[in-house]
C-alpha atoms as a PDB file:
ATOM      1  CA  MET A   1     137.856 117.937 109.536  1.00  0.00           C
ATOM      2  CA  ALA A   2     135.950 114.955 108.100  1.00  0.00           C
ATOM      3  CA  THR A   3     134.543 114.740 104.577  1.00  0.00           C
ATOM      4  CA  ILE A   4     131.852 112.706 102.816  1.00  0.00           C
ATOM      5  CA  ASN A   5     132.507 112.058  99.125  1.00  0.00           C
ATOM      6  CA  ILE A   6     130.233 110.390  96.584  1.00  0.00           C
ATOM      7  CA  ALA A   7     132.597 108.672  94.131  1.00  0.00           C
ATOM      8  CA  GLN A   8     130.188 108.521  91.180  1.00  0.00           C
ATOM      9  CA  GLU A   9     127.179 110.810  90.970  1.00  0.00           C
ATOM     10  CA  CYS A  10     124.389 108.827  89.300  1.00  0.00           C
ATOM     11  CA  GLY A  11     121.370 110.504  87.724  1.00  0.00           C
ATOM     12  CA  CYS A  12     119.278 110.054  90.862  1.00  0.00           C
ATOM     13  CA  PHE A  13     121.969 111.776  92.937  1.00  0.00           C
ATOM     14  CA  LYS A  14     122.156 114.679  90.502  1.00  0.00           C
ATOM     15  CA  LYS A  15     118.365 115.098  90.631  1.00  0.00           C
ATOM     16  CA  SER A  16     118.298 114.952  94.429  1.00  0.00           C
ATOM     17  CA  GLU A  17     119.008 117.721  96.897  1.00  0.00           C
ATOM     18  CA  LEU A  18     122.018 115.823  98.258  1.00  0.00           C
ATOM     19  CA  VAL A  19     125.401 117.554  98.109  1.00  0.00           C
ATOM     20  CA  ASN A  20     128.765 115.959  97.365  1.00  0.00           C
ATOM     21  CA  ASN A  21     132.035 116.660  99.229  1.00  0.00           C
ATOM     22  CA  VAL A  22     130.435 117.790 102.477  1.00  0.00           C
ATOM     23  CA  SER A  23     132.789 118.586 105.366  1.00  0.00           C
ATOM     24  CA  PHE A  24     132.166 118.283 109.102  1.00  0.00           C
ATOM     25  CA  ASP A  25     134.065 119.499 112.131  1.00  0.00           C
ATOM     26  CA  ASN A  26     134.218 116.012 113.644  1.00  0.00           C
ATOM     27  CA  LYS A  27     134.255 112.434 112.445  1.00  0.00           C
ATOM     28  CA  ASP A  28     131.215 111.309 114.458  1.00  0.00           C
ATOM     29  CA  ASP A  29     128.919 113.851 112.799  1.00  0.00           C
ATOM     30  CA  ALA A  30     130.283 112.907 109.374  1.00  0.00           C
ATOM     31  CA  MET A  31     129.727 109.198 110.036  1.00  0.00           C
ATOM     32  CA  ILE A  32     126.130 109.715 111.162  1.00  0.00           C
ATOM     33  CA  LYS A  33     125.377 111.851 108.095  1.00  0.00           C
ATOM     34  CA  ALA A  34     127.148 109.425 105.724  1.00  0.00           C
ATOM     35  CA  GLN A  35     125.123 106.489 107.075  1.00  0.00           C
ATOM     36  CA  SER A  36     121.946 108.518 106.638  1.00  0.00           C
ATOM     37  CA  ILE A  37     122.853 109.405 103.039  1.00  0.00           C
ATOM     38  CA  VAL A  38     123.615 105.772 102.128  1.00  0.00           C
ATOM     39  CA  LYS A  39     120.335 104.628 103.671  1.00  0.00           C
ATOM     40  CA  HIS A  40     118.419 107.303 101.751  1.00  0.00           C
ATOM     41  CA  MET A  41     120.155 106.462  98.464  1.00  0.00           C
ATOM     42  CA  ASN A  42     119.506 102.716  98.855  1.00  0.00           C
ATOM     43  CA  GLU A  43     115.858 103.167  99.838  1.00  0.00           C
ATOM     44  CA  GLU A  44     114.736 106.162  97.778  1.00  0.00           C
ATOM     45  CA  PHE A  45     116.733 106.079  94.545  1.00  0.00           C
ATOM     46  CA  CYS A  46     115.620 104.066  91.479  1.00  0.00           C
ATOM     47  CA  GLY A  47     117.247 100.789  92.553  1.00  0.00           C
ATOM     48  CA  LYS A  48     119.467 100.339  89.484  1.00  0.00           C
ATOM     49  CA  HIS A  49     122.476 100.571  91.811  1.00  0.00           C
ATOM     50  CA  GLY A  50     123.205  99.883  95.428  1.00  0.00           C
ATOM     51  CA  PHE A  51     125.443 102.118  97.498  1.00  0.00           C
ATOM     52  CA  GLU A  52     127.977 101.285 100.180  1.00  0.00           C
ATOM     53  CA  LEU A  53     129.939 103.307 102.679  1.00  0.00           C
ATOM     54  CA  SER A  54     133.656 103.004 103.317  1.00  0.00           C
ATOM     55  CA  GLU A  55     135.881 104.817 105.779  1.00  0.00           C
ATOM     56  CA  ASN A  56     139.430 106.083 105.261  1.00  0.00           C
ATOM     57  CA  GLY A  57     140.759 107.845 108.336  1.00  0.00           C
ATOM     58  CA  ASP A  58     138.460 110.803 108.978  1.00  0.00           C
ATOM     59  CA  ASP A  59     136.890 110.637 105.518  1.00  0.00           C
ATOM     60  CA  PHE A  60     133.937 108.642 104.215  1.00  0.00           C
ATOM     61  CA  ALA A  61     133.307 107.538 100.639  1.00  0.00           C
ATOM     62  CA  ILE A  62     130.003 106.399  99.184  1.00  0.00           C
ATOM     63  CA  ALA A  63     130.400 104.188  96.113  1.00  0.00           C
ATOM     64  CA  MET A  64     128.059 102.381  93.762  1.00  0.00           C
ATOM     65  CA  LYS A  65     128.008  98.634  93.979  1.00  0.00           C
ATOM     66  CA  ALA A  66     126.732  96.337  91.270  1.00  0.00           C
ATOM     67  CA  PRO A  67     123.104  95.288  91.675  1.00  0.00           C
ATOM     68  CA  GLN A  68     122.662  91.790  93.010  1.00  0.00           C
ATOM     69  CA  GLN A  69     121.453  89.414  90.323  1.00  0.00           C
ATOM     70  CA  ALA A  70     118.858  86.776  91.074  1.00  0.00           C
ATOM     71  CA  GLN A  71     120.549  83.409  91.262  1.00  0.00           C
ATOM     72  CA  ALA A  72     120.003  80.837  88.514  1.00  0.00           C
ATOM     73  CA  SER A  73     117.964  78.688  90.903  1.00  0.00           C
ATOM     74  CA  GLY A  74     114.629  80.271  90.010  1.00  0.00           C
ATOM     75  CA  GLY A  75     115.333  83.555  91.744  1.00  0.00           C
ATOM     76  CA  CYS A  76     115.955  82.031  95.150  1.00  0.00           C
ATOM     77  CA  CYS A  77     118.359  84.111  97.193  1.00  0.00           C
ATOM     78  CA  GLY A  78     119.940  81.053  98.777  1.00  0.00           C
ATOM     79  CA  GLY A  79     118.876  82.039 102.274  1.00  0.00           C
ATOM     80  CA  GLY A  80     117.396  78.594 102.959  1.00  0.00           C
ATOM     81  CA  HIS A  81     113.808  79.760 103.387  1.00  0.00           C
ATOM     82  CA  CYS A  82     112.565  79.055  99.818  1.00  0.00           C
ATOM     83  CA  SER A  83     112.525  75.249 100.059  1.00  0.00           C
END
């Protein structure tokens, strides 16, 4: 049995139709669903937070990560393409 857990339910999660603590019969199905949930949360939620997936044995956790701040160099991301 594999489980997907959302560590902190933000307001967008609570308003969505997503469900926390979902269990699957096998790890592969859980991983595919967890990746889909993280993608949806990062693309469709308000953008105040980012979300990342971690794996612990057969279980998957989705946690909030701090939003990335624009760097002090005029908002350049540092990727080398701004100069």
